[in-house]
Amino acid sequence: MKTVFTNSSNEIIFYTPAHVENFYNPRPSNKFIPTWFKKLSQTLDPDNKNKSSLFLKNRQPTTDGTVKKCIPFLDAYNLGYIIPLPYDLIINKSEKGCQFFSGVKSSLDEEFIGMHSLEQIQGSPITGNSNCNQIFKVNSPWRIKTPKGYSCIFTAPFNRPELPLQVLTGIIDTDTYHSANFTFNINLEIGEHLIEANTPLVQVIPFKRESWISKELPFNKNDLEKEHTQVLGFLNNFYKRKHHKKKTFL
């Protein structure tokens, strides 16, 4: 899979091996917005004909918007790309440990699910009962390449605590190193579970490496009052109408 932008400096390439190219491959994150969010009404009162985010209660404006009207929340769902589970995976979790089965290997000589030694994170709270005191990783079949000076954040899909595999966050300089394996915690009860293909697994966020300097300055009271007045002047979708900038991932 190759994602191409009109500006060649903003191009991320997912090299897909032949043995998984007919399965589910990485795609833009906006293709994986959860069903519950799509079905959610924008207002607490679905019959609100104006679809405003405010209504009057005791002659005072009160918010009537649900999280679906929260643009920062939606932006998190749309950011970057999702690597989904390429094919079905069975997880058998017991008190003695976890077993995995899939019909396809990550490569000709490597299982899709691998393991790390517990000694590698000795004293860490990262793993425990959720993993039956084991450390697991996805041996990713994809190779990911970004332009010079660009890296990628690999993390569990934002705002998806219900997903069965919760990947731990890491950053790879994908302009020079293109392999990425994903350590994860299991978010499942004891028993046998079928995790279906196309289940979101990893959110990939490319970013430009830059140096930053932090400062601490007192907040100007006049600026605060000006900002507050501006918010009151827009009874609907203030942030979306005045500040939001579109982010594009194709």
Protein backbone atom coordinates (compact mmCIF):
# COMPACT_ATOMS: atom_id res chain seq x y z
CA MET A 1 0.00 0.00 0.00
CA LYS A 2 1.35 3.42 -0.94
CA THR A 3 -0.21 6.68 0.19
CA VAL A 4 0.68 9.58 -2.11
CA PHE A 5 0.24 13.29 -1.49
CA THR A 6 0.59 16.09 -4.02
CA ASN A 7 3.57 17.31 -1.98
CA SER A 8 6.16 14.52 -2.25
CA SER A 9 7.74 15.53 1.07
CA ASN A 10 4.58 14.35 2.83
CA GLU A 11 4.47 10.74 1.73
CA ILE A 12 4.27 7.66 3.92
CA ILE A 13 4.77 4.26 2.33
CA PHE A 14 3.51 0.98 3.76
CA TYR A 15 5.42 -1.81 2.06
CA THR A 16 3.11 -4.82 2.08
CA PRO A 17 4.54 -8.35 1.65
CA ALA A 18 2.87 -10.53 -0.94
CA HIS A 19 1.54 -13.09 1.54
CA VAL A 20 -0.71 -10.52 3.28
CA GLU A 21 -1.55 -8.14 0.43
CA ASN A 22 -5.00 -9.70 -0.02
CA PHE A 23 -5.86 -9.21 3.65
CA TYR A 24 -6.57 -5.97 5.54
CA ASN A 25 -3.81 -3.40 5.11
CA PRO A 26 -3.07 0.00 6.74
CA ARG A 27 -5.55 2.74 5.87
CA PRO A 28 -6.36 6.32 7.02
CA SER A 29 -7.66 6.46 10.58
CA ASN A 30 -10.96 8.02 9.51
CA LYS A 31 -11.90 4.65 8.00
CA PHE A 32 -12.01 3.15 11.51
CA ILE A 33 -14.27 5.52 13.47
CA PRO A 34 -16.22 3.28 15.89
CA THR A 35 -19.86 2.47 15.21
CA TRP A 36 -21.08 3.88 18.54
CA PHE A 37 -19.63 7.28 17.65
CA LYS A 38 -21.21 7.30 14.18
CA LYS A 39 -24.62 6.50 15.67
CA LEU A 40 -24.38 9.10 18.44
CA SER A 41 -26.58 12.18 18.11
CA GLN A 42 -24.77 15.52 18.15
CA THR A 43 -27.17 16.87 20.80
CA LEU A 44 -28.70 15.54 23.99
CA ASP A 45 -32.04 16.33 22.42
CA PRO A 46 -32.05 14.54 19.03
CA ASP A 47 -35.22 16.42 18.05
CA ASN A 48 -33.45 19.77 18.31
CA LYS A 49 -34.21 21.08 14.85
CA ASN A 50 -31.46 23.71 14.89
CA LYS A 51 -28.81 21.20 15.99
CA SER A 52 -27.24 23.91 18.11
CA SER A 53 -24.87 23.13 20.95
CA LEU A 54 -26.76 25.40 23.36
CA PHE A 55 -30.26 25.58 24.77
CA LEU A 56 -31.86 27.86 27.34
CA LYS A 57 -32.51 26.54 30.82
CA ASN A 58 -33.89 29.04 33.34
CA ARG A 59 -33.00 31.68 30.74
CA GLN A 60 -29.36 30.71 30.89
CA PRO A 61 -27.47 29.06 28.00
CA THR A 62 -26.58 25.47 28.79
CA THR A 63 -24.66 23.08 26.59
CA ASP A 64 -26.71 20.47 24.76
CA GLY A 65 -23.87 18.96 22.75
CA THR A 66 -22.60 15.41 23.04
CA VAL A 67 -19.01 14.31 22.55
CA LYS A 68 -19.79 14.05 18.83
CA LYS A 69 -19.66 17.85 18.66
CA CYS A 70 -16.21 17.86 20.28
CA ILE A 71 -13.85 18.54 17.37
CA PRO A 72 -10.65 17.69 19.33
CA PHE A 73 -12.15 14.28 20.15
CA LEU A 74 -13.05 13.68 16.49
CA ASP A 75 -9.61 14.89 15.34
CA ALA A 76 -8.03 12.16 17.45
CA TYR A 77 -10.04 9.55 15.53
CA ASN A 78 -8.98 11.06 12.21
CA LEU A 79 -5.27 11.48 12.94
CA GLY A 80 -2.80 9.45 10.91
CA TYR A 81 -3.32 5.84 9.87
CA ILE A 82 -4.55 2.60 11.39
CA ILE A 83 -2.82 -0.74 11.03
CA PRO A 84 -5.60 -3.29 11.52
CA LEU A 85 -5.37 -6.93 12.36
CA PRO A 86 -4.76 -8.38 8.88
CA TYR A 87 -6.49 -11.71 9.53
CA ASP A 88 -8.49 -13.54 12.22
CA LEU A 89 -6.71 -14.28 15.47
CA ILE A 90 -7.81 -16.67 18.23
CA ILE A 91 -6.64 -15.94 21.78
CA ASN A 92 -7.09 -18.57 24.48
CA LYS A 93 -6.50 -16.90 27.82
CA SER A 94 -6.28 -19.05 30.96
CA GLU A 95 -4.84 -18.69 34.44
CA LYS A 96 -1.71 -20.46 33.20
CA GLY A 97 -1.08 -18.15 30.25
CA CYS A 98 -2.21 -17.15 26.77
CA GLN A 99 -2.14 -19.04 23.51
CA PHE A 100 -2.57 -17.58 20.04
CA PHE A 101 -3.58 -19.06 16.71
CA SER A 102 -3.77 -17.53 13.25
CA GLY A 103 -3.75 -19.23 9.89
CA VAL A 104 -1.01 -16.99 8.49
CA LYS A 105 2.49 -16.16 9.69
CA SER A 106 3.94 -12.67 9.79
CA SER A 107 6.67 -13.91 7.43
CA LEU A 108 7.82 -17.25 6.11
CA ASP A 109 9.79 -18.01 9.28
CA GLU A 110 8.16 -15.81 11.96
CA GLU A 111 4.90 -16.17 13.86
CA PHE A 112 2.53 -13.18 13.88
CA ILE A 113 2.55 -13.09 17.70
CA GLY A 114 5.93 -13.27 19.45
CA MET A 115 7.13 -12.93 23.02
CA HIS A 116 9.64 -11.03 25.15
CA SER A 117 11.31 -12.14 28.33
CA LEU A 118 9.78 -10.84 31.58
CA GLU A 119 13.27 -9.85 32.72
CA GLN A 120 13.24 -7.08 30.09
CA ILE A 121 10.69 -5.08 32.10
CA GLN A 122 11.50 -6.26 35.62
CA GLY A 123 9.96 -3.90 38.18
CA SER A 124 7.68 -2.31 35.59
CA PRO A 125 3.86 -2.11 35.93
CA ILE A 126 3.45 -2.49 32.15
CA THR A 127 2.40 -6.13 32.29
CA GLY A 128 0.69 -8.28 34.90
CA ASN A 129 -2.65 -10.02 35.24
CA SER A 130 -3.89 -8.76 31.87
CA ASN A 131 -1.13 -10.72 30.14
CA CYS A 132 -0.90 -13.61 32.60
CA ASN A 133 2.57 -12.28 33.51
CA GLN A 134 3.78 -12.65 29.93
CA ILE A 135 4.95 -10.10 27.37
CA PHE A 136 3.59 -10.35 23.84
CA LYS A 137 4.33 -8.50 20.63
CA VAL A 138 2.99 -8.35 17.10
CA ASN A 139 5.70 -9.14 14.56
CA SER A 140 4.47 -6.67 11.97
CA PRO A 141 4.73 -7.82 8.34
CA TRP A 142 4.75 -4.21 7.07
CA ARG A 143 7.72 -1.95 6.47
CA ILE A 144 7.00 1.75 6.91
CA LYS A 145 8.96 4.56 5.30
CA THR A 146 8.68 8.32 5.74
CA PRO A 147 10.68 11.21 4.17
CA LYS A 148 13.96 12.38 5.63
CA GLY A 149 13.46 14.10 8.98
CA TYR A 150 10.12 12.39 9.71
CA SER A 151 9.37 9.80 12.40
CA CYS A 152 6.21 7.92 13.41
CA ILE A 153 4.39 7.49 16.70
CA PHE A 154 2.94 3.99 17.08
CA THR A 155 0.25 3.76 19.74
CA ALA A 156 -3.03 2.12 20.69
CA PRO A 157 -5.87 3.68 18.66
CA PHE A 158 -7.01 6.83 20.44
CA ASN A 159 -10.15 6.67 22.60
CA ARG A 160 -10.64 2.93 22.00
CA PRO A 161 -10.34 1.33 25.48
CA GLU A 162 -12.60 -1.53 24.40
CA LEU A 163 -10.13 -2.96 21.88
CA PRO A 164 -8.83 -6.44 22.83
CA LEU A 165 -5.17 -5.66 22.09
CA GLN A 166 -3.82 -2.46 23.66
CA VAL A 167 -0.51 -1.59 22.03
CA LEU A 168 2.14 0.22 24.07
CA THR A 169 3.31 3.53 22.62
CA GLY A 170 6.65 3.88 20.85
CA ILE A 171 8.40 6.16 18.35
CA ILE A 172 10.52 4.98 15.41
CA ASP A 173 12.60 7.12 13.06
CA THR A 174 10.99 5.62 9.98
CA ASP A 175 13.02 7.68 7.55
CA THR A 176 15.98 5.34 8.15
CA TYR A 177 14.54 2.33 10.00
CA HIS A 178 11.43 0.72 8.57
CA SER A 179 10.55 -2.29 10.76
CA ALA A 180 8.06 -1.91 13.60
CA ASN A 181 6.91 -4.55 16.07
CA PHE A 182 4.24 -3.78 18.66
CA THR A 183 4.24 -4.87 22.29
CA PHE A 184 0.72 -5.10 23.69
CA ASN A 185 -1.43 -5.82 26.72
CA ILE A 186 -4.43 -8.13 26.42
CA ASN A 187 -7.77 -6.53 27.26
CA LEU A 188 -9.79 -9.77 27.59
CA GLU A 189 -11.32 -11.98 30.27
CA ILE A 190 -10.24 -15.59 30.73
CA GLY A 191 -11.62 -17.77 27.94
CA GLU A 192 -11.32 -18.30 24.18
CA HIS A 193 -11.79 -15.24 21.99
CA LEU A 194 -11.94 -14.69 18.24
CA ILE A 195 -10.48 -11.32 17.25
CA GLU A 196 -11.75 -10.62 13.76
CA ALA A 197 -9.65 -9.33 10.89
CA ASN A 198 -9.77 -5.56 10.38
CA THR A 199 -9.95 -4.88 14.13
CA PRO A 200 -7.90 -1.68 14.73
CA LEU A 201 -4.51 -2.56 16.15
CA VAL A 202 -2.10 0.39 15.91
CA GLN A 203 -2.49 4.10 15.17
CA VAL A 204 0.43 5.48 13.16
CA ILE A 205 1.10 9.23 13.33
CA PRO A 206 3.90 10.64 11.17
CA PHE A 207 5.55 13.83 12.41
CA LYS A 208 8.48 16.04 11.55
CA ARG A 209 11.37 15.97 13.99
CA GLU A 210 12.00 19.51 15.22
CA SER A 211 13.63 21.11 18.26
CA TRP A 212 11.40 23.04 20.65
CA ILE A 213 11.99 25.50 23.48
CA SER A 214 9.53 25.85 26.39
CA LYS A 215 8.77 29.08 28.28
CA GLU A 216 6.56 30.04 31.20
CA LEU A 217 4.89 33.46 31.05
CA PRO A 218 2.07 35.05 33.07
CA PHE A 219 -1.30 35.06 31.31
CA ASN A 220 -2.51 38.50 30.28
CA LYS A 221 -5.88 39.26 31.94
CA ASN A 222 -7.05 41.36 28.99
CA ASP A 223 -6.34 38.49 26.61
CA LEU A 224 -8.31 36.15 28.85
CA GLU A 225 -11.32 38.49 28.88
CA LYS A 226 -11.11 38.95 25.12
CA GLU A 227 -11.01 35.20 24.56
CA HIS A 228 -13.97 34.67 26.88
CA THR A 229 -16.04 37.34 25.13
CA GLN A 230 -15.28 35.80 21.77
CA VAL A 231 -16.50 32.41 22.95
CA LEU A 232 -19.77 33.93 24.22
CA GLY A 233 -20.33 35.57 20.85
CA PHE A 234 -20.68 32.22 19.09
CA LEU A 235 -23.64 30.17 20.30
CA ASN A 236 -22.76 27.18 18.19
CA ASN A 237 -19.53 25.39 17.19
CA PHE A 238 -17.16 28.16 18.29
CA TYR A 239 -13.97 26.10 18.08
CA LYS A 240 -14.93 24.54 14.76
CA ARG A 241 -15.84 27.90 13.19
CA LYS A 242 -12.95 30.00 14.50
CA HIS A 243 -9.95 27.79 15.23
CA HIS A 244 -10.09 24.30 13.78
CA LYS A 245 -7.67 23.48 10.96
CA LYS A 246 -8.34 20.51 8.72
CA LYS A 247 -5.81 17.63 8.86
CA THR A 248 -5.60 15.44 5.77
CA PHE A 249 -4.44 11.83 5.66
CA LEU A 250 -5.11 9.94 2.44
